[in-house]
Amino acid sequence: MKVLKVIGNQKLTGSIRISGAKNSAVALIPTTLLASGTTTLCNVPNISDIDVLTQTLEYLNVSVKRASGSMLI
């Protein structure tokens, strides 16, 4: 298990970007087929499962555009 040990009396500052949840995105992408019109999903992780789903949707003649962690389906 990784541990981050902070030593000293200094305040911690900064920010991190948390990527989208894989399990949520994998479930939401096929669900978009049930909606009429265009659906935008934000904060979609760049993983192979999403690539496979994108290819499957495109095979089914569904328009899919990906950019900057978002998907327009």
C-alpha atoms as a PDB file:
ATOM      1  CA  MET A   1       0.000   0.000   0.000  1.00  0.00           C
ATOM      2  CA  LYS A   2       1.311   3.449  -0.917  1.00  0.00           C
ATOM      3  CA  VAL A   3       1.721   5.975   1.873  1.00  0.00           C
ATOM      4  CA  LEU A   4       2.202   9.721   1.703  1.00  0.00           C
ATOM      5  CA  LYS A   5       3.953  10.944   4.814  1.00  0.00           C
ATOM      6  CA  VAL A   6       3.925  14.676   5.530  1.00  0.00           C
ATOM      7  CA  ILE A   7       6.624  15.932   7.878  1.00  0.00           C
ATOM      8  CA  GLY A   8       6.764  19.469   9.258  1.00  0.00           C
ATOM      9  CA  ASN A   9       4.373  22.252  10.076  1.00  0.00           C
ATOM     10  CA  GLN A  10       3.741  23.388   6.499  1.00  0.00           C
ATOM     11  CA  LYS A  11       0.262  23.824   5.055  1.00  0.00           C
ATOM     12  CA  LEU A  12      -0.520  21.600   2.109  1.00  0.00           C
ATOM     13  CA  THR A  13      -1.918  23.340  -0.968  1.00  0.00           C
ATOM     14  CA  GLY A  14      -2.667  22.391  -4.537  1.00  0.00           C
ATOM     15  CA  SER A  15      -5.176  20.477  -6.553  1.00  0.00           C
ATOM     16  CA  ILE A  16      -5.540  17.195  -8.372  1.00  0.00           C
ATOM     17  CA  ARG A  17      -7.856  16.132 -11.173  1.00  0.00           C
ATOM     18  CA  ILE A  18      -9.769  12.959 -10.449  1.00  0.00           C
ATOM     19  CA  SER A  19     -10.696  11.011 -13.571  1.00  0.00           C
ATOM     20  CA  GLY A  20     -14.190   9.659 -14.136  1.00  0.00           C
ATOM     21  CA  ALA A  21     -15.236   6.379 -12.605  1.00  0.00           C
ATOM     22  CA  LYS A  22     -14.668   3.497 -15.006  1.00  0.00           C
ATOM     23  CA  ASN A  23     -17.673   1.482 -13.881  1.00  0.00           C
ATOM     24  CA  SER A  24     -20.023   4.433 -14.242  1.00  0.00           C
ATOM     25  CA  ALA A  25     -18.842   5.335 -17.731  1.00  0.00           C
ATOM     26  CA  VAL A  26     -19.012   1.732 -18.957  1.00  0.00           C
ATOM     27  CA  ALA A  27     -22.630   1.526 -17.773  1.00  0.00           C
ATOM     28  CA  LEU A  28     -23.699   4.967 -19.019  1.00  0.00           C
ATOM     29  CA  ILE A  29     -22.438   4.649 -22.594  1.00  0.00           C
ATOM     30  CA  PRO A  30     -24.823   1.841 -23.682  1.00  0.00           C
ATOM     31  CA  THR A  31     -27.619   3.557 -21.745  1.00  0.00           C
ATOM     32  CA  THR A  32     -27.350   6.574 -24.040  1.00  0.00           C
ATOM     33  CA  LEU A  33     -28.918   4.450 -26.790  1.00  0.00           C
ATOM     34  CA  LEU A  34     -32.200   4.523 -24.873  1.00  0.00           C
ATOM     35  CA  ALA A  35     -32.408   8.323 -25.063  1.00  0.00           C
ATOM     36  CA  SER A  36     -33.507  10.245 -28.110  1.00  0.00           C
ATOM     37  CA  GLY A  37     -31.227  12.962 -29.403  1.00  0.00           C
ATOM     38  CA  THR A  38     -27.645  13.693 -28.439  1.00  0.00           C
ATOM     39  CA  THR A  39     -26.082  12.821 -25.090  1.00  0.00           C
ATOM     40  CA  THR A  40     -22.895  14.356 -23.690  1.00  0.00           C
ATOM     41  CA  LEU A  41     -20.886  12.478 -21.078  1.00  0.00           C
ATOM     42  CA  CYS A  42     -18.170  14.385 -19.221  1.00  0.00           C
ATOM     43  CA  ASN A  43     -15.089  13.193 -17.366  1.00  0.00           C
ATOM     44  CA  VAL A  44     -14.921   9.878 -19.265  1.00  0.00           C
ATOM     45  CA  PRO A  45     -11.670   8.005 -18.527  1.00  0.00           C
ATOM     46  CA  ASN A  46      -9.373   7.096 -21.415  1.00  0.00           C
ATOM     47  CA  ILE A  47      -9.359   3.294 -21.027  1.00  0.00           C
ATOM     48  CA  SER A  48      -9.628   0.353 -23.412  1.00  0.00           C
ATOM     49  CA  ASP A  49     -13.179  -0.524 -22.280  1.00  0.00           C
ATOM     50  CA  ILE A  50     -14.349   2.872 -23.521  1.00  0.00           C
ATOM     51  CA  ASP A  51     -12.487   2.340 -26.811  1.00  0.00           C
ATOM     52  CA  VAL A  52     -14.287  -0.978 -27.346  1.00  0.00           C
ATOM     53  CA  LEU A  53     -17.670   0.582 -26.581  1.00  0.00           C
ATOM     54  CA  THR A  54     -16.912   3.448 -28.969  1.00  0.00           C
ATOM     55  CA  GLN A  55     -16.064   0.983 -31.744  1.00  0.00           C
ATOM     56  CA  THR A  56     -19.238  -1.003 -31.037  1.00  0.00           C
ATOM     57  CA  LEU A  57     -21.423   2.123 -31.218  1.00  0.00           C
ATOM     58  CA  GLU A  58     -19.757   3.208 -34.452  1.00  0.00           C
ATOM     59  CA  TYR A  59     -20.382  -0.277 -35.886  1.00  0.00           C
ATOM     60  CA  LEU A  60     -24.060   0.293 -35.078  1.00  0.00           C
ATOM     61  CA  ASN A  61     -23.914   3.599 -37.041  1.00  0.00           C
ATOM     62  CA  VAL A  62     -24.081   5.729 -33.891  1.00  0.00           C
ATOM     63  CA  SER A  63     -22.140   8.994 -34.117  1.00  0.00           C
ATOM     64  CA  VAL A  64     -19.498   9.181 -31.365  1.00  0.00           C
ATOM     65  CA  LYS A  65     -17.117  12.104 -30.848  1.00  0.00           C
ATOM     66  CA  ARG A  66     -14.486  12.113 -28.115  1.00  0.00           C
ATOM     67  CA  ALA A  67     -12.482  15.106 -26.973  1.00  0.00           C
ATOM     68  CA  SER A  68     -10.854  16.211 -23.726  1.00  0.00           C
ATOM     69  CA  GLY A  69     -12.470  13.538 -21.569  1.00  0.00           C
ATOM     70  CA  SER A  70     -15.954  14.103 -23.003  1.00  0.00           C
ATOM     71  CA  MET A  71     -18.078  11.982 -25.300  1.00  0.00           C
ATOM     72  CA  LEU A  72     -20.833  13.229 -27.587  1.00  0.00           C
ATOM     73  CA  ILE A  73     -23.084  10.314 -28.541  1.00  0.00           C
END
